[in-house]
N, C-alpha and C. Protein backbone atom coordinates (compact mmCIF):
# COMPACT_ATOMS: atom_id res chain seq x y z
N LEU A 1 37.58 114.35 -40.13
CA LEU A 1 38.92 114.46 -39.62
C LEU A 1 39.96 114.99 -40.64
N SER A 2 39.76 114.51 -41.85
CA SER A 2 40.78 114.90 -42.84
C SER A 2 40.73 116.41 -43.06
N ALA A 3 39.55 117.08 -43.03
CA ALA A 3 39.39 118.45 -43.27
C ALA A 3 40.20 119.33 -42.11
N LYS A 4 40.21 118.76 -40.94
CA LYS A 4 40.89 119.37 -39.87
C LYS A 4 42.42 119.23 -40.00
N GLU A 5 42.83 118.34 -40.85
CA GLU A 5 44.23 118.09 -41.04
C GLU A 5 44.71 118.87 -42.22
N GLY A 6 43.84 119.62 -42.80
CA GLY A 6 44.23 120.43 -44.13
C GLY A 6 44.12 119.74 -45.29
N LYS A 7 43.49 118.60 -45.32
CA LYS A 7 43.17 117.81 -46.59
C LYS A 7 42.01 118.24 -47.28
N TRP A 8 41.82 117.99 -48.49
CA TRP A 8 40.65 118.32 -49.30
C TRP A 8 39.44 117.74 -48.71
N PHE A 9 38.20 118.28 -48.88
CA PHE A 9 37.03 117.61 -48.51
C PHE A 9 36.86 116.38 -49.21
N GLY A 10 36.56 115.30 -48.62
CA GLY A 10 36.21 113.96 -49.25
C GLY A 10 37.51 113.08 -49.23
N SER A 11 38.69 113.73 -49.07
CA SER A 11 39.96 112.92 -49.15
C SER A 11 40.02 111.97 -47.87
N SER A 12 40.53 110.77 -48.12
CA SER A 12 40.54 109.93 -47.00
C SER A 12 41.81 108.95 -47.14
N ASN A 13 42.21 108.53 -46.03
CA ASN A 13 43.31 107.49 -46.07
C ASN A 13 42.76 106.29 -45.23
N TYR A 14 42.36 105.35 -45.93
CA TYR A 14 41.58 104.11 -45.18
C TYR A 14 42.54 103.49 -44.22
N ALA A 15 43.76 103.61 -44.43
CA ALA A 15 44.65 102.95 -43.40
C ALA A 15 44.46 103.55 -41.98
N CYS A 16 44.06 104.76 -42.00
CA CYS A 16 43.85 105.41 -40.65
C CYS A 16 42.48 105.23 -40.19
N GLU A 17 41.49 104.76 -41.01
CA GLU A 17 40.15 104.72 -40.67
C GLU A 17 39.76 103.52 -39.92
N PHE A 18 40.64 102.50 -39.81
CA PHE A 18 40.42 101.18 -39.27
C PHE A 18 41.59 100.95 -38.32
N SER A 19 41.32 100.14 -37.26
CA SER A 19 42.44 99.79 -36.34
C SER A 19 43.10 98.55 -36.91
N PHE A 20 42.42 97.88 -37.89
CA PHE A 20 43.08 96.76 -38.55
C PHE A 20 42.61 96.76 -40.05
N VAL A 21 43.10 96.05 -40.93
CA VAL A 21 42.60 95.87 -42.23
C VAL A 21 41.47 94.75 -42.30
N PRO A 22 40.30 95.06 -42.55
CA PRO A 22 39.20 93.96 -42.62
C PRO A 22 39.28 93.35 -44.04
N TYR A 23 40.21 92.48 -44.22
CA TYR A 23 40.43 91.89 -45.52
C TYR A 23 39.09 91.22 -46.13
N GLU A 24 38.46 90.50 -45.21
CA GLU A 24 37.26 89.79 -45.70
C GLU A 24 36.12 90.71 -46.07
N VAL A 25 36.14 91.98 -45.76
CA VAL A 25 35.14 92.94 -46.20
C VAL A 25 35.44 93.35 -47.65
N PHE A 26 36.71 93.65 -47.88
CA PHE A 26 37.12 94.22 -49.21
C PHE A 26 37.30 93.01 -50.21
N LEU A 27 37.63 91.91 -49.74
CA LEU A 27 37.77 90.64 -50.70
C LEU A 27 37.08 89.51 -50.20
N PRO A 28 35.67 89.52 -50.44
CA PRO A 28 34.81 88.36 -49.96
C PRO A 28 35.30 86.92 -50.43
N ILE A 29 36.06 86.95 -51.55
CA ILE A 29 36.56 85.67 -52.13
C ILE A 29 37.37 85.01 -51.02
N LEU A 30 38.00 85.63 -50.05
CA LEU A 30 38.77 85.10 -49.07
C LEU A 30 38.12 84.04 -48.29
N ARG A 31 36.74 84.15 -48.24
CA ARG A 31 35.88 83.15 -47.40
C ARG A 31 35.63 81.89 -48.12
N ASP A 32 35.92 81.93 -49.41
CA ASP A 32 35.59 80.74 -50.26
C ASP A 32 36.86 79.73 -50.30
N ASP A 33 36.69 78.60 -49.59
CA ASP A 33 37.83 77.70 -49.46
C ASP A 33 38.10 76.97 -50.73
N ASN A 34 37.11 77.03 -51.80
CA ASN A 34 37.40 76.49 -52.94
C ASN A 34 38.17 77.25 -54.04
N PHE A 35 38.25 78.59 -53.71
CA PHE A 35 39.04 79.54 -54.62
C PHE A 35 40.53 79.28 -54.37
N LYS A 36 41.25 79.15 -55.40
CA LYS A 36 42.71 79.08 -55.35
C LYS A 36 43.37 80.20 -56.01
N PHE A 37 44.29 80.93 -55.32
CA PHE A 37 45.00 81.98 -55.81
C PHE A 37 46.12 81.46 -56.65
N LEU A 38 46.59 82.22 -57.64
CA LEU A 38 47.77 81.95 -58.46
C LEU A 38 48.97 81.94 -57.58
N CYS A 39 49.02 82.81 -56.58
CA CYS A 39 50.23 82.99 -55.81
C CYS A 39 49.61 83.41 -54.45
N GLU A 40 49.95 82.74 -53.43
CA GLU A 40 49.41 83.05 -52.09
C GLU A 40 50.56 83.68 -51.22
N GLU A 41 50.00 84.63 -50.49
CA GLU A 41 50.93 85.24 -49.39
C GLU A 41 50.36 84.91 -48.00
N GLN A 42 51.16 84.60 -47.07
CA GLN A 42 50.64 84.28 -45.58
C GLN A 42 50.15 85.58 -45.06
N LEU A 43 49.03 85.49 -44.30
CA LEU A 43 48.53 86.55 -43.54
C LEU A 43 49.35 86.73 -42.30
N PRO A 44 49.46 88.06 -41.90
CA PRO A 44 50.31 88.30 -40.72
C PRO A 44 49.84 87.36 -39.52
N ASP A 45 50.80 86.97 -38.65
CA ASP A 45 50.55 86.05 -37.56
C ASP A 45 49.57 86.63 -36.55
N ASP A 46 49.46 87.89 -36.42
CA ASP A 46 48.56 88.50 -35.49
C ASP A 46 47.24 88.82 -36.01
N TYR A 47 46.95 88.48 -37.38
CA TYR A 47 45.72 88.75 -38.01
C TYR A 47 44.70 87.83 -37.33
N ARG A 48 43.60 88.33 -36.89
CA ARG A 48 42.47 87.59 -36.35
C ARG A 48 41.17 88.22 -36.83
N PRO A 49 40.58 87.62 -38.02
CA PRO A 49 39.40 88.30 -38.45
C PRO A 49 38.22 88.22 -37.42
N GLU A 50 37.44 89.33 -37.46
CA GLU A 50 36.33 89.45 -36.57
C GLU A 50 35.19 88.92 -37.21
N VAL A 51 34.24 88.31 -36.36
CA VAL A 51 33.08 87.75 -36.88
C VAL A 51 32.10 88.89 -37.31
N MET A 52 31.70 88.89 -38.59
CA MET A 52 30.86 89.94 -39.04
C MET A 52 29.48 89.35 -39.49
N ASN A 53 28.38 89.87 -39.01
CA ASN A 53 27.07 89.42 -39.32
C ASN A 53 26.41 90.33 -40.36
N TYR A 54 25.96 89.86 -41.44
CA TYR A 54 25.44 90.68 -42.50
C TYR A 54 23.88 90.58 -42.41
């Protein structure tokens, strides 16, 4: 799709590739309840992670 929009071959904007941001795919540490962040931000109220089977 990017090539049709005049972008270089291979260029991508991941924000438009997904209907939502799958945080747990990019940051598996989010699944670890024992991990403590130095500073935590609240997830958006409408964020609902999908069940992913590996």
